[in-house]
Amino acid sequence: MKVVELNTALTPSDYTEIESLAEQNYGPRDIAKVLRVSVRTFLHVWRDKNSQIRKAYDLGRFQIEIKKSEKLISMIDNENTTAIQIHNKQSEERDFEDARLDVFGF
């Protein structure tokens, strides 16, 4: 299957399925198998960060991160010590990532 064929073969419901599977922590190879498309071609398109496949995948991953963060905040509100520690660690990682982006620009 060629890239052009893959792009035309996927329907809007396929992109919704990509989001859903990514949110459930499936990787690109598994998603290609579920969609019954060429894994090699799917990965080729997925590696392009501007492709619709990659955008759907990233959106799914982002949606689950939002849900996890919301749950973590509710646990923090209940004074869960472990949740506070997890949040602090994630904040430090985000601060480092932001500083890296600021300095190196990528």
C-alpha atoms as a PDB file:
ATOM      1  CA  MET A   1       0.000   0.000   0.000  1.00  0.00           C
ATOM      2  CA  LYS A   2       1.292   3.411  -0.957  1.00  0.00           C
ATOM      3  CA  VAL A   3       1.072   6.574   1.135  1.00  0.00           C
ATOM      4  CA  VAL A   4      -1.478   8.158  -1.200  1.00  0.00           C
ATOM      5  CA  GLU A   5      -3.619   5.021  -1.093  1.00  0.00           C
ATOM      6  CA  LEU A   6      -3.480   4.976   2.710  1.00  0.00           C
ATOM      7  CA  ASN A   7      -4.500   8.619   2.998  1.00  0.00           C
ATOM      8  CA  THR A   8      -7.478   8.125   0.686  1.00  0.00           C
ATOM      9  CA  ALA A   9      -8.475   4.780   2.226  1.00  0.00           C
ATOM     10  CA  LEU A  10      -8.866   6.134   5.768  1.00  0.00           C
ATOM     11  CA  THR A  11     -12.277   7.527   6.687  1.00  0.00           C
ATOM     12  CA  PRO A  12     -13.148  10.049   9.403  1.00  0.00           C
ATOM     13  CA  SER A  13     -14.201   7.138  11.617  1.00  0.00           C
ATOM     14  CA  ASP A  14     -10.716   5.624  11.135  1.00  0.00           C
ATOM     15  CA  TYR A  15      -9.135   8.805  12.468  1.00  0.00           C
ATOM     16  CA  THR A  16     -11.498   8.676  15.447  1.00  0.00           C
ATOM     17  CA  GLU A  17     -10.414   5.070  15.963  1.00  0.00           C
ATOM     18  CA  ILE A  18      -6.757   6.139  15.861  1.00  0.00           C
ATOM     19  CA  GLU A  19      -7.457   8.725  18.585  1.00  0.00           C
ATOM     20  CA  SER A  20      -9.312   6.181  20.693  1.00  0.00           C
ATOM     21  CA  LEU A  21      -6.639   3.492  20.381  1.00  0.00           C
ATOM     22  CA  ALA A  22      -3.830   5.954  21.123  1.00  0.00           C
ATOM     23  CA  GLU A  23      -5.752   7.062  24.204  1.00  0.00           C
ATOM     24  CA  GLN A  24      -5.887   3.402  25.274  1.00  0.00           C
ATOM     25  CA  ASN A  25      -2.082   3.251  24.991  1.00  0.00           C
ATOM     26  CA  TYR A  26      -1.859   1.315  21.727  1.00  0.00           C
ATOM     27  CA  GLY A  27       1.205   2.012  19.626  1.00  0.00           C
ATOM     28  CA  PRO A  28       1.276   2.894  15.921  1.00  0.00           C
ATOM     29  CA  ARG A  29       2.048  -0.692  14.855  1.00  0.00           C
ATOM     30  CA  ASP A  30      -0.941  -2.051  16.750  1.00  0.00           C
ATOM     31  CA  ILE A  31      -3.207   0.668  15.365  1.00  0.00           C
ATOM     32  CA  ALA A  32      -2.144  -0.174  11.799  1.00  0.00           C
ATOM     33  CA  LYS A  33      -3.018  -3.816  12.426  1.00  0.00           C
ATOM     34  CA  VAL A  34      -6.429  -2.899  13.851  1.00  0.00           C
ATOM     35  CA  LEU A  35      -7.131  -0.732  10.796  1.00  0.00           C
ATOM     36  CA  ARG A  36      -5.891  -3.556   8.544  1.00  0.00           C
ATOM     37  CA  VAL A  37      -3.455  -1.357   6.657  1.00  0.00           C
ATOM     38  CA  SER A  38       0.212  -1.793   5.851  1.00  0.00           C
ATOM     39  CA  VAL A  39       2.221  -1.339   9.049  1.00  0.00           C
ATOM     40  CA  ARG A  40       5.187  -0.047   7.077  1.00  0.00           C
ATOM     41  CA  THR A  41       3.156   2.577   5.226  1.00  0.00           C
ATOM     42  CA  PHE A  42       1.254   3.563   8.362  1.00  0.00           C
ATOM     43  CA  LEU A  43       4.531   4.096  10.259  1.00  0.00           C
ATOM     44  CA  HIS A  44       5.939   6.092   7.350  1.00  0.00           C
ATOM     45  CA  VAL A  45       2.967   8.462   7.445  1.00  0.00           C
ATOM     46  CA  TRP A  46       2.853   8.456  11.279  1.00  0.00           C
ATOM     47  CA  ARG A  47       6.471   9.696  11.445  1.00  0.00           C
ATOM     48  CA  ASP A  48       5.407  12.895   9.649  1.00  0.00           C
ATOM     49  CA  LYS A  49       4.319  15.109  12.549  1.00  0.00           C
ATOM     50  CA  ASN A  50       2.074  17.119  10.198  1.00  0.00           C
ATOM     51  CA  SER A  51       0.136  14.126   8.876  1.00  0.00           C
ATOM     52  CA  GLN A  52      -3.489  13.644   9.817  1.00  0.00           C
ATOM     53  CA  ILE A  53      -2.629  10.206  11.219  1.00  0.00           C
ATOM     54  CA  ARG A  54      -0.018  11.681  13.561  1.00  0.00           C
ATOM     55  CA  LYS A  55      -2.336  14.498  14.612  1.00  0.00           C
ATOM     56  CA  ALA A  56      -5.078  11.991  15.478  1.00  0.00           C
ATOM     57  CA  TYR A  57      -2.557   9.835  17.366  1.00  0.00           C
ATOM     58  CA  ASP A  58      -1.141  12.783  19.318  1.00  0.00           C
ATOM     59  CA  LEU A  59      -4.632  14.016  20.143  1.00  0.00           C
ATOM     60  CA  GLY A  60      -5.531  10.635  21.616  1.00  0.00           C
ATOM     61  CA  ARG A  61      -2.358  10.599  23.706  1.00  0.00           C
ATOM     62  CA  PHE A  62      -3.041  14.162  24.865  1.00  0.00           C
ATOM     63  CA  GLN A  63      -6.632  13.359  25.836  1.00  0.00           C
ATOM     64  CA  ILE A  64      -5.557  10.585  28.197  1.00  0.00           C
ATOM     65  CA  GLU A  65      -2.910  12.847  29.728  1.00  0.00           C
ATOM     66  CA  ILE A  66      -5.636  15.409  30.469  1.00  0.00           C
ATOM     67  CA  LYS A  67      -7.819  12.750  32.120  1.00  0.00           C
ATOM     68  CA  LYS A  68      -4.893  11.518  34.213  1.00  0.00           C
ATOM     69  CA  SER A  69      -4.027  15.061  35.277  1.00  0.00           C
ATOM     70  CA  GLU A  70      -7.622  15.782  36.264  1.00  0.00           C
ATOM     71  CA  LYS A  71      -7.713  12.600  38.369  1.00  0.00           C
ATOM     72  CA  LEU A  72      -4.382  13.520  39.945  1.00  0.00           C
ATOM     73  CA  ILE A  73      -5.690  16.981  40.858  1.00  0.00           C
ATOM     74  CA  SER A  74      -8.761  15.468  42.527  1.00  0.00           C
ATOM     75  CA  MET A  75      -6.463  13.181  44.524  1.00  0.00           C
ATOM     76  CA  ILE A  76      -4.332  16.190  45.508  1.00  0.00           C
ATOM     77  CA  ASP A  77      -7.491  17.984  46.641  1.00  0.00           C
ATOM     78  CA  ASN A  78      -8.104  15.007  48.926  1.00  0.00           C
ATOM     79  CA  GLU A  79      -4.595  15.511  50.357  1.00  0.00           C
ATOM     80  CA  ASN A  80      -3.180  12.301  48.911  1.00  0.00           C
ATOM     81  CA  THR A  81       0.561  12.493  49.634  1.00  0.00           C
ATOM     82  CA  THR A  82       1.559  10.205  46.772  1.00  0.00           C
ATOM     83  CA  ALA A  83      -0.461  12.288  44.310  1.00  0.00           C
ATOM     84  CA  ILE A  84       1.291  15.432  45.536  1.00  0.00           C
ATOM     85  CA  GLN A  85       4.679  13.791  45.038  1.00  0.00           C
ATOM     86  CA  ILE A  86       3.751  12.607  41.546  1.00  0.00           C
ATOM     87  CA  HIS A  87       2.533  16.080  40.639  1.00  0.00           C
ATOM     88  CA  ASN A  88       5.731  17.680  41.962  1.00  0.00           C
ATOM     89  CA  LYS A  89       7.858  15.264  39.911  1.00  0.00           C
ATOM     90  CA  GLN A  90       5.819  15.959  36.776  1.00  0.00           C
ATOM     91  CA  SER A  91       6.151  19.708  37.395  1.00  0.00           C
ATOM     92  CA  GLU A  92       9.932  19.403  37.647  1.00  0.00           C
ATOM     93  CA  GLU A  93      10.036  17.394  34.412  1.00  0.00           C
ATOM     94  CA  ARG A  94       7.834  19.970  32.650  1.00  0.00           C
ATOM     95  CA  ASP A  95      10.015  22.839  33.933  1.00  0.00           C
ATOM     96  CA  PHE A  96      13.106  21.080  32.586  1.00  0.00           C
ATOM     97  CA  GLU A  97      11.442  20.421  29.227  1.00  0.00           C
ATOM     98  CA  ASP A  98      10.303  24.048  28.980  1.00  0.00           C
ATOM     99  CA  ALA A  99      13.818  25.292  29.805  1.00  0.00           C
ATOM    100  CA  ARG A 100      15.316  22.915  27.206  1.00  0.00           C
ATOM    101  CA  LEU A 101      12.920  24.225  24.582  1.00  0.00           C
ATOM    102  CA  ASP A 102      13.701  27.807  25.566  1.00  0.00           C
ATOM    103  CA  VAL A 103      17.453  27.284  25.271  1.00  0.00           C
ATOM    104  CA  PHE A 104      17.682  24.952  22.291  1.00  0.00           C
ATOM    105  CA  GLY A 105      14.428  25.763  20.504  1.00  0.00           C
ATOM    106  CA  PHE A 106      13.441  22.179  19.652  1.00  0.00           C
END
